[in-house]
Amino acid sequence: MLLKDKLLKESGEKKDILFLDVVDVYRNLPRKLLNFFRWSHLNLEFSYLLKTDDDTFINIGEVLTTLKAARIEQSQKVFTLPAAKLYLHWWSSFREGWPVHSFGKWREDNYHSVTYPPFPCGAGYVLSQDLVKFLGNKAYNFLYQDFQGEDVALGIWLAGINPLRYTGDKISCTWVCDGTCNPKACNRAELSIDEMYKAGEAYKNCSNFCGCHVK
């Protein structure tokens, strides 16, 4: 069976794949991401959107615990934050002061600065509904899409509105950017297929995707 046929079969069974009219190469990842935000904004009802990679396991229980606390906290801030800021939140581990490269795989031809604006790690981040709405509308229609990478592109697109980072003692897990395994993390990244199955089995058995023997 051809890969295309396998993808169509899974999409028909699971309804978990979005097909886009974009050539699937690394340099088109920002375009794919923005198309996904636009589709989500136009077709789904949600409070938060979680973006991750297909080699990453998500500690969904801890992520949901934090997001439920975030909604309660937001409702208590209605009278203390400007309306324009109230729902513009993102949550991740952020890279700051990241250099703009002029050569190599990550060569940047379209953003002229010494460093990028802060951007989240692609292995896991959460955006509030209003941020996704902004990306699906204004960013999709008016902002440049051909930066060298999806994560740095997101930082550039959102730099102008300066969304609030979700921080504080209500957070029950933290995001990791690499293959480090921390039982208290929101995610475990850079997994092989075999490692993904093992992480899933451990999570099911003892709620610890690093393995039931790891503290």
N, C-alpha and C. Protein backbone atom coordinates (compact mmCIF):
# COMPACT_ATOMS: atom_id res chain seq x y z
N MET A 1 0.84 -1.19 0.00
CA MET A 1 0.00 0.00 0.00
C MET A 1 0.88 1.25 0.00
N LEU A 2 0.59 2.19 -0.88
CA LEU A 2 1.34 3.43 -0.95
C LEU A 2 1.12 4.27 0.31
N LEU A 3 2.11 5.13 0.62
CA LEU A 3 1.99 5.98 1.81
C LEU A 3 0.73 6.84 1.73
N LYS A 4 0.45 7.39 0.57
CA LYS A 4 -0.75 8.22 0.41
C LYS A 4 -2.00 7.44 0.78
N ASP A 5 -2.08 6.18 0.32
CA ASP A 5 -3.25 5.35 0.62
C ASP A 5 -3.33 5.04 2.11
N LYS A 6 -2.17 4.81 2.74
CA LYS A 6 -2.16 4.55 4.18
C LYS A 6 -2.67 5.76 4.96
N LEU A 7 -2.23 6.95 4.54
CA LEU A 7 -2.67 8.17 5.21
C LEU A 7 -4.16 8.40 5.04
N LEU A 8 -4.65 8.17 3.83
CA LEU A 8 -6.09 8.33 3.57
C LEU A 8 -6.90 7.32 4.38
N LYS A 9 -6.38 6.10 4.51
CA LYS A 9 -7.06 5.07 5.29
C LYS A 9 -7.15 5.47 6.76
N GLU A 10 -6.01 5.92 7.32
CA GLU A 10 -6.03 6.34 8.73
C GLU A 10 -6.94 7.54 8.93
N SER A 11 -6.88 8.49 8.00
CA SER A 11 -7.73 9.68 8.12
C SER A 11 -9.20 9.30 8.11
N GLY A 12 -9.56 8.33 7.28
CA GLY A 12 -10.95 7.89 7.23
C GLY A 12 -11.39 7.20 8.49
N GLU A 13 -10.46 6.46 9.13
CA GLU A 13 -10.80 5.71 10.34
C GLU A 13 -10.73 6.56 11.60
N LYS A 14 -9.67 7.36 11.73
CA LYS A 14 -9.40 8.07 12.98
C LYS A 14 -9.78 9.55 12.96
N LYS A 15 -9.94 10.11 11.76
CA LYS A 15 -10.24 11.55 11.63
C LYS A 15 -9.17 12.40 12.33
N ASP A 16 -7.90 12.00 12.17
CA ASP A 16 -6.83 12.67 12.92
C ASP A 16 -5.74 13.27 12.03
N ILE A 17 -6.00 13.39 10.74
CA ILE A 17 -5.00 13.96 9.82
C ILE A 17 -5.64 15.08 9.02
N LEU A 18 -4.95 16.20 8.93
CA LEU A 18 -5.39 17.33 8.11
C LEU A 18 -4.49 17.40 6.88
N PHE A 19 -5.08 17.31 5.70
CA PHE A 19 -4.32 17.37 4.46
C PHE A 19 -4.30 18.81 3.94
N LEU A 20 -3.10 19.30 3.63
CA LEU A 20 -2.92 20.67 3.16
C LEU A 20 -2.26 20.66 1.78
N ASP A 21 -2.58 21.66 1.00
CA ASP A 21 -2.00 21.80 -0.34
C ASP A 21 -0.66 22.53 -0.24
N VAL A 22 0.29 21.87 0.42
CA VAL A 22 1.62 22.44 0.66
C VAL A 22 2.66 21.35 0.42
N VAL A 23 3.73 21.67 -0.29
CA VAL A 23 4.81 20.70 -0.50
C VAL A 23 5.47 20.39 0.85
N ASP A 24 5.61 19.11 1.17
CA ASP A 24 6.06 18.70 2.50
C ASP A 24 7.59 18.69 2.58
N VAL A 25 8.17 19.87 2.74
CA VAL A 25 9.61 20.02 2.94
C VAL A 25 9.83 20.89 4.17
N TYR A 26 11.05 20.82 4.74
CA TYR A 26 11.34 21.53 5.99
C TYR A 26 11.01 23.01 5.92
N ARG A 27 11.38 23.65 4.83
CA ARG A 27 11.21 25.10 4.72
C ARG A 27 9.75 25.53 4.64
N ASN A 28 8.85 24.58 4.43
CA ASN A 28 7.42 24.92 4.37
C ASN A 28 6.71 24.69 5.70
N LEU A 29 7.45 24.31 6.75
CA LEU A 29 6.80 24.06 8.04
C LEU A 29 6.05 25.28 8.58
N PRO A 30 6.59 26.51 8.49
CA PRO A 30 5.81 27.66 8.96
C PRO A 30 4.48 27.80 8.21
N ARG A 31 4.49 27.55 6.92
CA ARG A 31 3.27 27.64 6.12
C ARG A 31 2.26 26.58 6.54
N LYS A 32 2.75 25.36 6.78
CA LYS A 32 1.87 24.28 7.24
C LYS A 32 1.26 24.63 8.59
N LEU A 33 2.10 25.16 9.49
CA LEU A 33 1.63 25.50 10.83
C LEU A 33 0.53 26.56 10.78
N LEU A 34 0.74 27.59 9.98
CA LEU A 34 -0.24 28.67 9.90
C LEU A 34 -1.55 28.18 9.27
N ASN A 35 -1.44 27.29 8.29
CA ASN A 35 -2.65 26.69 7.70
C ASN A 35 -3.40 25.87 8.73
N PHE A 36 -2.66 25.17 9.60
CA PHE A 36 -3.30 24.39 10.66
C PHE A 36 -4.02 25.30 11.66
N PHE A 37 -3.38 26.40 12.05
CA PHE A 37 -4.04 27.34 12.96
C PHE A 37 -5.32 27.89 12.33
N ARG A 38 -5.25 28.21 11.05
CA ARG A 38 -6.42 28.76 10.38
C ARG A 38 -7.55 27.73 10.34
N TRP A 39 -7.23 26.49 9.98
CA TRP A 39 -8.25 25.44 9.94
C TRP A 39 -8.86 25.23 11.33
N SER A 40 -8.03 25.20 12.36
CA SER A 40 -8.53 24.99 13.73
C SER A 40 -9.47 26.11 14.14
N HIS A 41 -9.08 27.35 13.84
CA HIS A 41 -9.92 28.50 14.18
C HIS A 41 -11.27 28.44 13.48
N LEU A 42 -11.29 28.02 12.23
CA LEU A 42 -12.52 28.04 11.44
C LEU A 42 -13.41 26.82 11.68
N ASN A 43 -12.84 25.71 12.19
CA ASN A 43 -13.60 24.46 12.23
C ASN A 43 -13.80 23.86 13.61
N LEU A 44 -13.11 24.35 14.63
CA LEU A 44 -13.18 23.73 15.95
C LEU A 44 -13.59 24.73 17.01
N GLU A 45 -14.19 24.22 18.09
CA GLU A 45 -14.46 25.02 19.28
C GLU A 45 -13.53 24.54 20.39
N PHE A 46 -12.77 25.44 20.97
CA PHE A 46 -11.78 25.04 21.98
C PHE A 46 -11.40 26.26 22.81
N SER A 47 -10.83 26.00 23.97
CA SER A 47 -10.28 27.06 24.81
C SER A 47 -8.78 27.18 24.62
N TYR A 48 -8.12 26.04 24.42
CA TYR A 48 -6.67 26.01 24.24
C TYR A 48 -6.32 25.03 23.12
N LEU A 49 -5.21 25.31 22.45
CA LEU A 49 -4.70 24.40 21.43
C LEU A 49 -3.29 23.98 21.82
N LEU A 50 -3.04 22.68 21.83
CA LEU A 50 -1.72 22.15 22.14
C LEU A 50 -1.06 21.69 20.85
N LYS A 51 0.15 22.20 20.60
CA LYS A 51 0.93 21.76 19.45
C LYS A 51 2.11 20.94 19.96
N THR A 52 2.35 19.80 19.32
CA THR A 52 3.48 18.96 19.68
C THR A 52 4.04 18.31 18.43
N ASP A 53 5.06 17.47 18.59
CA ASP A 53 5.66 16.74 17.47
C ASP A 53 5.25 15.28 17.53
N ASP A 54 5.37 14.58 16.40
CA ASP A 54 4.93 13.19 16.37
C ASP A 54 5.90 12.23 17.06
N ASP A 55 7.04 12.74 17.53
CA ASP A 55 7.95 11.89 18.31
C ASP A 55 7.93 12.26 19.79
N THR A 56 6.84 12.90 20.22
CA THR A 56 6.74 13.40 21.59
C THR A 56 5.54 12.79 22.30
N PHE A 57 5.75 12.34 23.54
CA PHE A 57 4.68 11.81 24.38
C PHE A 57 4.23 12.91 25.33
N ILE A 58 2.92 13.12 25.43
CA ILE A 58 2.37 14.19 26.26
C ILE A 58 1.80 13.61 27.56
N ASN A 59 2.19 14.21 28.67
CA ASN A 59 1.63 13.86 29.98
C ASN A 59 0.29 14.59 30.10
N ILE A 60 -0.71 14.05 29.44
CA ILE A 60 -1.95 14.78 29.22
C ILE A 60 -2.68 15.08 30.53
N GLY A 61 -2.55 14.20 31.51
CA GLY A 61 -3.21 14.45 32.79
C GLY A 61 -2.70 15.71 33.47
N GLU A 62 -1.38 15.87 33.51
CA GLU A 62 -0.79 17.05 34.15
C GLU A 62 -1.05 18.32 33.33
N VAL A 63 -1.03 18.19 32.01
CA VAL A 63 -1.32 19.35 31.16
C VAL A 63 -2.75 19.84 31.40
N LEU A 64 -3.70 18.92 31.45
CA LEU A 64 -5.10 19.30 31.67
C LEU A 64 -5.29 19.90 33.07
N THR A 65 -4.60 19.36 34.06
CA THR A 65 -4.69 19.92 35.41
C THR A 65 -4.27 21.38 35.42
N THR A 66 -3.18 21.69 34.74
CA THR A 66 -2.70 23.07 34.68
C THR A 66 -3.66 23.97 33.91
N LEU A 67 -4.20 23.48 32.80
CA LEU A 67 -5.10 24.31 31.99
C LEU A 67 -6.42 24.58 32.71
N LYS A 68 -6.90 23.62 33.48
CA LYS A 68 -8.10 23.87 34.28
C LYS A 68 -7.84 24.96 35.31
N ALA A 69 -6.67 24.90 35.94
CA ALA A 69 -6.29 25.94 36.90
C ALA A 69 -6.15 27.29 36.21
N ALA A 70 -5.64 27.28 34.98
CA ALA A 70 -5.47 28.52 34.23
C ALA A 70 -6.81 29.18 33.93
N ARG A 71 -7.82 28.39 33.61
CA ARG A 71 -9.14 28.95 33.31
C ARG A 71 -9.74 29.59 34.55
N ILE A 72 -9.57 28.94 35.70
CA ILE A 72 -10.08 29.51 36.95
C ILE A 72 -9.36 30.81 37.26
N GLU A 73 -8.04 30.80 37.09
CA GLU A 73 -7.24 31.99 37.37
C GLU A 73 -7.61 33.13 36.44
N GLN A 74 -7.85 32.83 35.18
CA GLN A 74 -8.25 33.86 34.22
C GLN A 74 -9.57 34.50 34.63
N SER A 75 -10.52 33.67 35.07
CA SER A 75 -11.82 34.20 35.45
C SER A 75 -11.72 35.16 36.62
N GLN A 76 -10.69 35.00 37.45
CA GLN A 76 -10.49 35.88 38.60
C GLN A 76 -9.78 37.18 38.24
N LYS A 77 -9.23 37.25 37.01
CA LYS A 77 -8.48 38.42 36.59
C LYS A 77 -9.27 39.33 35.65
N VAL A 78 -10.53 39.05 35.48
CA VAL A 78 -11.34 39.81 34.52
C VAL A 78 -11.29 41.30 34.80
N PHE A 79 -11.23 41.69 36.05
CA PHE A 79 -11.28 43.11 36.39
C PHE A 79 -9.89 43.71 36.67
N THR A 80 -8.85 42.92 36.48
CA THR A 80 -7.51 43.44 36.77
C THR A 80 -6.61 43.52 35.55
N LEU A 81 -6.99 42.87 34.45
CA LEU A 81 -6.19 42.91 33.23
C LEU A 81 -6.94 43.64 32.13
N PRO A 82 -6.23 44.36 31.24
CA PRO A 82 -6.89 44.95 30.08
C PRO A 82 -7.56 43.86 29.25
N ALA A 83 -8.73 44.16 28.71
CA ALA A 83 -9.48 43.15 27.95
C ALA A 83 -8.65 42.58 26.81
N ALA A 84 -7.84 43.41 26.17
CA ALA A 84 -7.05 42.94 25.04
C ALA A 84 -6.01 41.91 25.44
N LYS A 85 -5.62 41.91 26.72
CA LYS A 85 -4.59 40.99 27.20
C LYS A 85 -5.16 39.74 27.86
N LEU A 86 -6.42 39.77 28.21
CA LEU A 86 -6.98 38.78 29.11
C LEU A 86 -6.81 37.35 28.59
N TYR A 87 -7.04 37.14 27.31
CA TYR A 87 -7.05 35.78 26.78
C TYR A 87 -5.88 35.49 25.84
N LEU A 88 -4.88 36.37 25.80
CA LEU A 88 -3.73 36.16 24.94
C LEU A 88 -2.60 35.51 25.75
N HIS A 89 -2.69 34.19 25.89
CA HIS A 89 -1.73 33.45 26.71
C HIS A 89 -1.06 32.35 25.89
N TRP A 90 0.20 32.08 26.20
CA TRP A 90 0.85 30.87 25.70
C TRP A 90 1.67 30.26 26.82
N TRP A 91 1.89 28.95 26.70
CA TRP A 91 2.54 28.20 27.78
C TRP A 91 3.51 27.20 27.15
N SER A 92 4.77 27.28 27.54
CA SER A 92 5.79 26.39 27.01
C SER A 92 7.09 26.64 27.77
N SER A 93 8.16 26.02 27.29
CA SER A 93 9.52 26.45 27.64
C SER A 93 10.01 27.29 26.47
N PHE A 94 10.56 28.45 26.76
CA PHE A 94 10.89 29.40 25.70
C PHE A 94 12.39 29.50 25.49
N ARG A 95 12.77 29.65 24.24
CA ARG A 95 14.15 29.94 23.88
C ARG A 95 14.28 31.45 23.70
N GLU A 96 15.29 32.03 24.34
CA GLU A 96 15.47 33.48 24.27
C GLU A 96 16.90 33.81 23.84
N GLY A 97 17.04 34.89 23.10
CA GLY A 97 18.35 35.28 22.61
C GLY A 97 18.93 34.31 21.59
N TRP A 98 18.06 33.58 20.90
CA TRP A 98 18.49 32.57 19.93
C TRP A 98 19.07 33.26 18.69
N PRO A 99 20.30 32.94 18.30
CA PRO A 99 20.93 33.67 17.19
C PRO A 99 20.29 33.37 15.84
N VAL A 100 20.24 34.37 14.99
CA VAL A 100 19.78 34.20 13.61
C VAL A 100 20.98 33.75 12.77
N HIS A 101 20.87 32.58 12.16
CA HIS A 101 21.98 32.03 11.39
C HIS A 101 21.97 32.55 9.95
N SER A 102 23.16 32.74 9.41
CA SER A 102 23.29 33.22 8.03
C SER A 102 23.75 32.12 7.08
N PHE A 103 23.90 30.88 7.60
CA PHE A 103 24.31 29.77 6.73
C PHE A 103 23.85 28.47 7.38
N GLY A 104 23.91 27.36 6.61
CA GLY A 104 23.54 26.06 7.14
C GLY A 104 22.05 25.77 7.03
N LYS A 105 21.63 24.67 7.66
CA LYS A 105 20.24 24.23 7.60
C LYS A 105 19.28 25.29 8.11
N TRP A 106 19.70 26.02 9.14
CA TRP A 106 18.83 27.02 9.77
C TRP A 106 19.12 28.44 9.28
N ARG A 107 19.68 28.54 8.08
CA ARG A 107 19.95 29.85 7.49
C ARG A 107 18.65 30.65 7.37
N GLU A 108 18.69 31.88 7.81
CA GLU A 108 17.50 32.74 7.77
C GLU A 108 17.73 33.88 6.78
N ASP A 109 16.95 33.88 5.71
CA ASP A 109 17.07 34.92 4.68
C ASP A 109 16.06 36.04 4.85
N ASN A 110 15.05 35.83 5.70
CA ASN A 110 13.91 36.74 5.69
C ASN A 110 13.65 37.46 7.01
N TYR A 111 14.51 37.25 8.00
CA TYR A 111 14.37 37.97 9.27
C TYR A 111 15.73 38.58 9.59
N HIS A 112 15.80 39.89 9.56
CA HIS A 112 17.08 40.58 9.66
C HIS A 112 17.28 41.14 11.07
N SER A 113 17.96 40.36 11.89
CA SER A 113 18.24 40.73 13.27
C SER A 113 19.38 39.84 13.76
N VAL A 114 19.97 40.20 14.87
CA VAL A 114 21.02 39.36 15.46
C VAL A 114 20.41 38.15 16.14
N THR A 115 19.27 38.34 16.80
CA THR A 115 18.59 37.25 17.51
C THR A 115 17.11 37.25 17.16
N TYR A 116 16.47 36.09 17.40
CA TYR A 116 15.02 35.97 17.22
C TYR A 116 14.29 36.47 18.47
N PRO A 117 13.03 36.86 18.33
CA PRO A 117 12.21 37.10 19.52
C PRO A 117 12.04 35.78 20.28
N PRO A 118 11.66 35.81 21.55
CA PRO A 118 11.42 34.57 22.28
C PRO A 118 10.42 33.69 21.54
N PHE A 119 10.70 32.38 21.51
CA PHE A 119 9.78 31.46 20.84
C PHE A 119 9.72 30.16 21.63
N PRO A 120 8.59 29.44 21.55
CA PRO A 120 8.42 28.22 22.34
C PRO A 120 9.10 27.02 21.68
N CYS A 121 9.38 26.02 22.47
CA CYS A 121 9.93 24.78 21.95
C CYS A 121 8.83 24.01 21.22
N GLY A 122 9.14 23.55 20.02
CA GLY A 122 8.14 22.87 19.22
C GLY A 122 7.68 21.54 19.76
N ALA A 123 8.44 20.96 20.71
CA ALA A 123 8.05 19.67 21.28
C ALA A 123 6.79 19.79 22.13
N GLY A 124 6.39 21.01 22.47
CA GLY A 124 5.16 21.17 23.22
C GLY A 124 4.89 22.60 23.61
N TYR A 125 3.77 23.15 23.16
CA TYR A 125 3.32 24.45 23.65
C TYR A 125 1.81 24.55 23.53
N VAL A 126 1.24 25.41 24.33
CA VAL A 126 -0.21 25.62 24.37
C VAL A 126 -0.51 27.08 24.06
N LEU A 127 -1.48 27.30 23.18
CA LEU A 127 -1.92 28.65 22.84
C LEU A 127 -3.38 28.82 23.23
N SER A 128 -3.74 29.99 23.74
CA SER A 128 -5.14 30.27 24.03
C SER A 128 -5.91 30.45 22.73
N GLN A 129 -7.22 30.32 22.82
CA GLN A 129 -8.07 30.40 21.63
C GLN A 129 -7.87 31.71 20.87
N ASP A 130 -7.76 32.82 21.60
CA ASP A 130 -7.63 34.11 20.92
C ASP A 130 -6.30 34.25 20.18
N LEU A 131 -5.25 33.61 20.68
CA LEU A 131 -3.99 33.61 19.94
C LEU A 131 -4.13 32.84 18.63
N VAL A 132 -4.82 31.70 18.69
CA VAL A 132 -5.03 30.92 17.47
C VAL A 132 -5.90 31.70 16.49
N LYS A 133 -6.88 32.41 17.01
CA LYS A 133 -7.72 33.25 16.15
C LYS A 133 -6.88 34.32 15.45
N PHE A 134 -5.99 34.96 16.20
CA PHE A 134 -5.10 35.96 15.60
C PHE A 134 -4.25 35.34 14.51
N LEU A 135 -3.67 34.17 14.80
CA LEU A 135 -2.81 33.51 13.82
C LEU A 135 -3.59 33.06 12.60
N GLY A 136 -4.80 32.57 12.82
CA GLY A 136 -5.61 32.08 11.71
C GLY A 136 -6.19 33.17 10.84
N ASN A 137 -6.32 34.37 11.39
CA ASN A 137 -6.87 35.49 10.63
C ASN A 137 -5.78 36.44 10.16
N LYS A 138 -5.32 37.29 11.07
CA LYS A 138 -4.38 38.35 10.69
C LYS A 138 -3.03 37.79 10.22
N ALA A 139 -2.47 36.83 10.96
CA ALA A 139 -1.17 36.29 10.56
C ALA A 139 -1.28 35.57 9.23
N TYR A 140 -2.33 34.80 9.05
CA TYR A 140 -2.50 34.04 7.81
C TYR A 140 -2.64 34.97 6.61
N ASN A 141 -3.34 36.06 6.78
CA ASN A 141 -3.63 36.95 5.66
C ASN A 141 -2.56 38.01 5.41
N PHE A 142 -1.85 38.43 6.47
CA PHE A 142 -1.01 39.61 6.33
C PHE A 142 0.47 39.41 6.67
N LEU A 143 0.81 38.36 7.40
CA LEU A 143 2.20 38.21 7.84
C LEU A 143 2.96 37.23 6.96
N TYR A 144 4.25 37.46 6.84
CA TYR A 144 5.11 36.64 5.97
C TYR A 144 5.22 35.22 6.52
N GLN A 145 5.14 34.24 5.64
CA GLN A 145 5.08 32.84 6.07
C GLN A 145 6.37 32.06 5.85
N ASP A 146 7.34 32.62 5.17
CA ASP A 146 8.48 31.83 4.73
C ASP A 146 9.75 32.04 5.57
N PHE A 147 9.61 32.07 6.89
CA PHE A 147 10.78 32.05 7.75
C PHE A 147 11.34 30.63 7.78
N GLN A 148 12.56 30.47 8.30
CA GLN A 148 13.25 29.19 8.13
C GLN A 148 12.70 28.05 8.99
N GLY A 149 12.01 28.34 10.07
CA GLY A 149 11.53 27.28 10.95
C GLY A 149 10.21 27.64 11.58
N GLU A 150 9.42 26.63 11.94
CA GLU A 150 8.08 26.88 12.47
C GLU A 150 8.10 27.55 13.84
N ASP A 151 9.04 27.16 14.71
CA ASP A 151 9.05 27.70 16.07
C ASP A 151 9.49 29.16 16.09
N VAL A 152 10.57 29.46 15.36
CA VAL A 152 11.02 30.86 15.30
C VAL A 152 9.97 31.72 14.61
N ALA A 153 9.29 31.16 13.61
CA ALA A 153 8.24 31.91 12.91
C ALA A 153 7.12 32.29 13.88
N LEU A 154 6.74 31.36 14.76
CA LEU A 154 5.68 31.66 15.72
C LEU A 154 6.10 32.81 16.63
N GLY A 155 7.35 32.80 17.08
CA GLY A 155 7.83 33.90 17.90
C GLY A 155 7.79 35.23 17.18
N ILE A 156 8.13 35.23 15.89
CA ILE A 156 8.10 36.46 15.09
C ILE A 156 6.66 36.94 14.91
N TRP A 157 5.76 36.03 14.56
CA TRP A 157 4.36 36.41 14.33
C TRP A 157 3.72 37.02 15.58
N LEU A 158 4.06 36.49 16.75
CA LEU A 158 3.40 36.94 17.98
C LEU A 158 4.15 38.04 18.71
N ALA A 159 5.34 38.39 18.23
CA ALA A 159 6.14 39.41 18.93
C ALA A 159 5.40 40.74 19.02
N GLY A 160 4.65 41.08 17.99
CA GLY A 160 3.98 42.38 17.97
C GLY A 160 2.86 42.52 18.98
N ILE A 161 2.22 41.39 19.37
CA ILE A 161 1.12 41.49 20.34
C ILE A 161 1.57 41.08 21.74
N ASN A 162 2.79 40.55 21.85
CA ASN A 162 3.41 40.28 23.15
C ASN A 162 2.46 39.53 24.09
N PRO A 163 2.07 38.29 23.76
CA PRO A 163 1.14 37.56 24.63
C PRO A 163 1.76 37.25 25.99
N LEU A 164 0.90 37.07 26.97
CA LEU A 164 1.35 36.75 28.32
C LEU A 164 1.75 35.28 28.40
N ARG A 165 2.85 35.02 29.08
CA ARG A 165 3.24 33.64 29.34
C ARG A 165 2.51 33.15 30.58
N TYR A 166 1.99 31.93 30.50
CA TYR A 166 1.32 31.39 31.67
C TYR A 166 2.38 30.85 32.63
N THR A 167 2.49 31.46 33.78
CA THR A 167 3.47 31.06 34.79
C THR A 167 2.78 31.04 36.16
N GLY A 168 3.50 30.58 37.16
CA GLY A 168 2.97 30.65 38.52
C GLY A 168 2.91 29.30 39.20
N ASP A 169 2.42 29.32 40.44
CA ASP A 169 2.42 28.10 41.25
C ASP A 169 1.29 27.14 40.89
N LYS A 170 0.44 27.50 39.94
CA LYS A 170 -0.63 26.61 39.50
C LYS A 170 -0.14 25.60 38.47
N ILE A 171 1.05 25.80 37.94
CA ILE A 171 1.58 24.91 36.91
C ILE A 171 2.05 23.61 37.55
N SER A 172 1.51 22.49 37.07
CA SER A 172 1.83 21.20 37.67
C SER A 172 2.88 20.42 36.90
N CYS A 173 3.33 20.94 35.74
CA CYS A 173 4.40 20.29 34.99
C CYS A 173 5.12 21.33 34.15
N THR A 174 6.31 21.00 33.69
CA THR A 174 7.09 21.92 32.86
C THR A 174 7.41 21.24 31.52
N TRP A 175 7.58 22.06 30.49
CA TRP A 175 7.86 21.54 29.16
C TRP A 175 9.36 21.35 28.96
N VAL A 176 9.72 20.27 28.26
CA VAL A 176 11.12 20.04 27.91
C VAL A 176 11.28 20.14 26.40
N CYS A 177 12.48 20.54 25.97
CA CYS A 177 12.73 20.77 24.55
C CYS A 177 13.50 19.64 23.88
N ASP A 178 14.10 18.75 24.68
CA ASP A 178 14.98 17.72 24.11
C ASP A 178 14.58 16.35 24.63
N GLY A 179 15.49 15.39 24.51
CA GLY A 179 15.18 14.02 24.89
C GLY A 179 15.28 13.73 26.37
N THR A 180 15.52 14.74 27.19
CA THR A 180 15.59 14.55 28.64
C THR A 180 14.27 13.99 29.17
N CYS A 181 14.35 12.98 30.04
CA CYS A 181 13.13 12.41 30.61
C CYS A 181 13.01 12.80 32.08
N ASN A 182 11.95 13.51 32.38
CA ASN A 182 11.66 13.96 33.73
C ASN A 182 10.22 13.56 34.06
N PRO A 183 10.01 12.71 35.06
CA PRO A 183 8.65 12.27 35.39
C PRO A 183 7.70 13.42 35.70
N LYS A 184 8.23 14.59 36.07
CA LYS A 184 7.40 15.74 36.40
C LYS A 184 7.15 16.64 35.19
N ALA A 185 7.65 16.25 34.03
CA ALA A 185 7.53 17.09 32.83
C ALA A 185 6.16 16.93 32.18
N CYS A 186 5.82 17.90 31.35
CA CYS A 186 4.58 17.84 30.57
C CYS A 186 4.73 16.92 29.37
N ASN A 187 5.96 16.67 28.96
CA ASN A 187 6.19 15.90 27.74
C ASN A 187 7.52 15.17 27.80
N ARG A 188 7.65 14.22 26.90
CA ARG A 188 8.92 13.52 26.68
C ARG A 188 9.16 13.51 25.18
N ALA A 189 10.26 14.11 24.73
CA ALA A 189 10.45 14.38 23.30
C ALA A 189 11.52 13.48 22.69
N GLU A 190 11.59 13.53 21.36
CA GLU A 190 12.63 12.86 20.56
C GLU A 190 12.64 11.35 20.80
N LEU A 191 11.46 10.73 20.77
CA LEU A 191 11.34 9.29 21.00
C LEU A 191 11.34 8.52 19.68
N SER A 192 11.96 7.34 19.70
CA SER A 192 11.81 6.41 18.58
C SER A 192 10.43 5.74 18.71
N ILE A 193 10.05 4.98 17.69
CA ILE A 193 8.75 4.29 17.75
C ILE A 193 8.72 3.33 18.93
N ASP A 194 9.80 2.58 19.12
CA ASP A 194 9.87 1.63 20.24
C ASP A 194 9.80 2.35 21.58
N GLU A 195 10.50 3.47 21.70
CA GLU A 195 10.48 4.24 22.94
C GLU A 195 9.09 4.82 23.20
N MET A 196 8.39 5.19 22.15
CA MET A 196 7.04 5.73 22.30
C MET A 196 6.10 4.67 22.88
N TYR A 197 6.19 3.45 22.36
CA TYR A 197 5.36 2.36 22.89
C TYR A 197 5.69 2.08 24.35
N LYS A 198 6.97 2.08 24.68
CA LYS A 198 7.38 1.82 26.07
C LYS A 198 6.91 2.94 27.00
N ALA A 199 7.00 4.18 26.53
CA ALA A 199 6.54 5.31 27.35
C ALA A 199 5.04 5.21 27.58
N GLY A 200 4.29 4.84 26.54
CA GLY A 200 2.85 4.70 26.67
C GLY A 200 2.46 3.60 27.63
N GLU A 201 3.18 2.47 27.57
CA GLU A 201 2.89 1.35 28.46
C GLU A 201 3.19 1.72 29.91
N ALA A 202 4.32 2.40 30.13
CA ALA A 202 4.67 2.81 31.49
C ALA A 202 3.67 3.82 32.03
N TYR A 203 3.24 4.74 31.18
CA TYR A 203 2.27 5.75 31.61
C TYR A 203 0.95 5.08 32.00
N LYS A 204 0.56 4.08 31.22
CA LYS A 204 -0.69 3.37 31.52
C LYS A 204 -0.59 2.58 32.82
N ASN A 205 0.58 2.00 33.07
CA ASN A 205 0.75 1.14 34.25
C ASN A 205 0.98 1.92 35.55
N CYS A 206 1.73 3.03 35.47
CA CYS A 206 2.10 3.72 36.72
C CYS A 206 2.11 5.24 36.59
N SER A 207 1.54 5.77 35.49
CA SER A 207 1.45 7.23 35.27
C SER A 207 2.83 7.89 35.23
N ASN A 208 3.83 7.15 34.76
CA ASN A 208 5.20 7.68 34.67
C ASN A 208 5.80 7.28 33.33
N PHE A 209 5.87 8.22 32.39
CA PHE A 209 6.34 7.86 31.05
C PHE A 209 7.85 7.65 30.97
N CYS A 210 8.57 7.87 32.07
CA CYS A 210 10.00 7.56 32.10
C CYS A 210 10.25 6.10 32.49
N GLY A 211 9.21 5.40 32.94
CA GLY A 211 9.34 4.03 33.40
C GLY A 211 8.95 3.90 34.85
N CYS A 212 8.35 2.80 35.21
CA CYS A 212 7.82 2.64 36.57
C CYS A 212 8.92 2.55 37.62
N HIS A 213 10.17 2.32 37.21
CA HIS A 213 11.28 2.23 38.15
C HIS A 213 11.92 3.59 38.41
N VAL A 214 11.52 4.62 37.64
CA VAL A 214 12.15 5.95 37.74
C VAL A 214 11.36 6.82 38.69
N LYS A 215 12.05 7.47 39.62
CA LYS A 215 11.41 8.36 40.58
C LYS A 215 11.54 9.81 40.14
